[in-house]
Amino acid sequence: MSKSLARVRAALQASGLAAEPLEMPAETRTAVQAAAAAGCALDQIVKSILFQGLRSGRLYLFLTAGGNRVDEARAAALTGEPLGRADGQTVRDVTGFAIGGVAPLGHLSPLPAWIDPRLLDFPQVWAAAGTPRHIFPAAPGELARAAGAIRADFCRAM
């Protein structure tokens, strides 16, 4: 088992979230791939989007429905600073995950996090579990609690 997957499993257990990562037969790097693998609607996929503060250098996590995009101006208003996309190496260094497998929890460093209200419209959502082939199901409210994510409007539809 990869270190990333093991870290997600440990974080799920520590948070009390009753979810088990599942290995999919195909990649789940994109929301479209993950929705096909899980057999669910695109908006039931949790995208873990990371932005970096342009003043502080700090990373911020936005848990976004698969069919939505983060509106950078709204996201910046939440963080209190201008934002830019975090590069792949910074994401790996701070979270321990490669882009395409970033889980909403189990990061190497704690991150401020927000959740897209659209995800809360579903009884179950699916999130990356640390690898490009593992995802896990969760009740969105429980996932928000486990990830320490605050509900906020920061998205625009794609």
Protein backbone atom coordinates (compact mmCIF):
# COMPACT_ATOMS: atom_id res chain seq x y z
CA MET A 1 0.00 0.00 0.00
CA SER A 2 1.32 3.46 -0.89
CA LYS A 3 2.24 5.89 1.91
CA SER A 4 -0.34 8.34 0.58
CA LEU A 5 -3.17 5.80 0.69
CA ALA A 6 -2.10 4.66 4.17
CA ARG A 7 -2.14 8.28 5.37
CA VAL A 8 -5.69 8.78 4.03
CA ARG A 9 -6.87 5.57 5.66
CA ALA A 10 -5.35 6.67 8.98
CA ALA A 11 -6.94 10.15 8.68
CA LEU A 12 -10.35 8.62 7.91
CA GLN A 13 -10.09 6.36 10.93
CA ALA A 14 -8.81 9.15 13.23
CA SER A 15 -11.68 11.43 12.17
CA GLY A 16 -14.29 8.77 12.81
CA LEU A 17 -15.36 8.88 9.18
CA ALA A 18 -16.63 5.40 8.29
CA ALA A 19 -15.25 5.26 4.76
CA GLU A 20 -13.00 2.80 2.99
CA PRO A 21 -10.91 3.82 -0.01
CA LEU A 22 -11.63 1.72 -3.08
CA GLU A 23 -9.21 0.96 -5.90
CA MET A 24 -10.80 1.65 -9.26
CA PRO A 25 -9.91 -0.31 -12.41
CA ALA A 26 -9.13 2.94 -14.26
CA GLU A 27 -7.57 6.26 -13.29
CA THR A 28 -9.59 8.76 -11.28
CA ARG A 29 -7.29 11.79 -11.76
CA THR A 30 -10.05 14.00 -13.17
CA ALA A 31 -13.59 14.57 -11.93
CA VAL A 32 -14.97 13.05 -15.14
CA GLN A 33 -12.86 9.90 -14.69
CA ALA A 34 -13.81 9.63 -11.01
CA ALA A 35 -17.54 10.06 -11.72
CA ALA A 36 -17.39 7.33 -14.37
CA ALA A 37 -15.53 5.00 -12.01
CA ALA A 38 -17.90 5.66 -9.09
CA GLY A 39 -21.03 5.59 -11.25
CA CYS A 40 -22.23 8.91 -9.89
CA ALA A 41 -23.03 12.44 -11.05
CA LEU A 42 -20.12 14.75 -11.85
CA ASP A 43 -21.07 17.10 -9.01
CA GLN A 44 -20.77 14.22 -6.51
CA ILE A 45 -17.01 14.23 -7.07
CA VAL A 46 -15.02 16.27 -4.56
CA LYS A 47 -12.19 18.14 -6.25
CA SER A 48 -9.44 19.18 -3.82
CA ILE A 49 -8.25 22.44 -5.35
CA LEU A 50 -5.25 24.19 -3.83
CA PHE A 51 -4.41 27.85 -4.16
CA GLN A 52 -1.36 29.61 -2.79
CA GLY A 53 -1.45 32.99 -1.09
CA LEU A 54 0.57 35.45 -3.15
CA ARG A 55 1.64 37.36 -0.03
CA SER A 56 1.97 34.61 2.58
CA GLY A 57 2.87 31.63 0.40
CA ARG A 58 0.37 29.60 2.45
CA LEU A 59 -1.77 26.96 0.74
CA TYR A 60 -5.56 27.01 0.96
CA LEU A 61 -7.84 24.04 0.20
CA PHE A 62 -11.15 24.39 -1.64
CA LEU A 63 -13.34 21.27 -1.80
CA THR A 64 -15.30 21.81 -4.97
CA ALA A 65 -18.09 19.90 -6.73
CA GLY A 66 -16.87 18.20 -9.90
CA GLY A 67 -18.86 20.44 -12.23
CA ASN A 68 -17.85 23.71 -10.57
CA ARG A 69 -14.77 25.93 -10.75
CA VAL A 70 -13.27 28.04 -8.01
CA ASP A 71 -13.88 31.73 -8.56
CA GLU A 72 -10.49 33.18 -7.60
CA ALA A 73 -11.91 36.54 -6.49
CA ARG A 74 -14.41 34.87 -4.13
CA ALA A 75 -11.73 32.50 -2.85
CA ALA A 76 -9.32 35.38 -2.26
CA ALA A 77 -11.99 37.21 -0.26
CA LEU A 78 -12.23 34.17 2.03
CA THR A 79 -8.47 33.93 2.55
CA GLY A 80 -7.83 37.65 2.86
CA GLU A 81 -5.10 37.70 0.24
CA PRO A 82 -4.67 37.41 -3.54
CA LEU A 83 -4.29 33.84 -4.74
CA GLY A 84 -2.53 31.92 -7.48
CA ARG A 85 -2.63 28.24 -8.41
CA ALA A 86 -0.26 26.15 -6.34
CA ASP A 87 2.33 24.32 -8.44
CA GLY A 88 2.63 20.55 -8.37
CA GLN A 89 5.81 20.42 -6.29
CA THR A 90 4.43 22.77 -3.64
CA VAL A 91 1.23 20.72 -3.48
CA ARG A 92 3.27 17.54 -2.98
CA ASP A 93 5.56 19.15 -0.38
CA VAL A 94 2.69 20.52 1.73
CA THR A 95 0.03 17.83 1.33
CA GLY A 96 2.10 14.74 0.57
CA PHE A 97 -0.08 14.05 -2.46
CA ALA A 98 0.49 14.47 -6.18
CA ILE A 99 -2.03 16.43 -8.21
CA GLY A 100 -4.66 13.99 -9.44
CA GLY A 101 -4.79 12.18 -6.10
CA VAL A 102 -5.02 14.99 -3.52
CA ALA A 103 -7.32 13.86 -0.74
CA PRO A 104 -9.42 16.31 1.30
CA LEU A 105 -7.73 15.08 4.50
CA GLY A 106 -4.52 13.39 5.61
CA HIS A 107 -2.22 16.21 4.53
CA LEU A 108 1.32 16.51 5.86
CA SER A 109 0.52 20.06 7.05
CA PRO A 110 -2.85 21.38 8.24
CA LEU A 111 -4.58 23.64 5.72
CA PRO A 112 -7.44 26.14 5.98
CA ALA A 113 -10.30 24.59 4.02
CA TRP A 114 -13.69 25.52 2.57
CA ILE A 115 -16.39 23.32 1.03
CA ASP A 116 -18.64 24.11 -1.94
CA PRO A 117 -22.31 24.08 -0.80
CA ARG A 118 -23.20 22.13 -3.97
CA LEU A 119 -21.53 19.06 -2.46
CA LEU A 120 -23.92 19.23 0.49
CA ASP A 121 -26.89 18.64 -1.85
CA PHE A 122 -26.02 14.93 -2.07
CA PRO A 123 -26.33 12.11 0.47
CA GLN A 124 -22.95 10.78 -0.70
CA VAL A 125 -19.93 12.23 -2.49
CA TRP A 126 -16.65 10.69 -3.66
CA ALA A 127 -13.17 12.05 -2.96
CA ALA A 128 -9.60 11.16 -3.92
CA ALA A 129 -7.81 8.87 -1.48
CA GLY A 130 -4.21 9.82 -2.13
CA THR A 131 -3.53 8.00 -5.40
CA PRO A 132 -4.74 8.40 -9.00
CA ARG A 133 -6.77 5.16 -8.69
CA HIS A 134 -8.30 5.31 -5.19
CA ILE A 135 -11.44 7.15 -4.13
CA PHE A 136 -13.71 6.93 -1.11
CA PRO A 137 -17.41 7.65 -0.50
CA ALA A 138 -18.58 9.89 2.33
CA ALA A 139 -21.55 11.88 3.53
CA PRO A 140 -20.57 15.45 2.58
CA GLY A 141 -21.33 16.96 5.98
CA GLU A 142 -19.15 14.36 7.66
CA LEU A 143 -16.41 14.93 5.11
CA ALA A 144 -16.52 18.69 5.77
CA ARG A 145 -16.23 18.02 9.51
CA ALA A 146 -13.32 15.59 9.06
CA ALA A 147 -11.49 18.00 6.74
CA GLY A 148 -12.21 21.02 8.93
CA ALA A 149 -13.84 22.69 5.92
CA ILE A 150 -16.15 25.68 6.25
CA ARG A 151 -19.18 25.99 3.96
CA ALA A 152 -18.75 28.99 1.66
CA ASP A 153 -19.82 30.21 -1.78
CA PHE A 154 -16.60 30.38 -3.78
CA CYS A 155 -17.55 28.67 -7.04
CA ARG A 156 -18.91 29.34 -10.48
CA ALA A 157 -20.44 26.67 -12.70
CA MET A 158 -18.30 25.41 -15.56
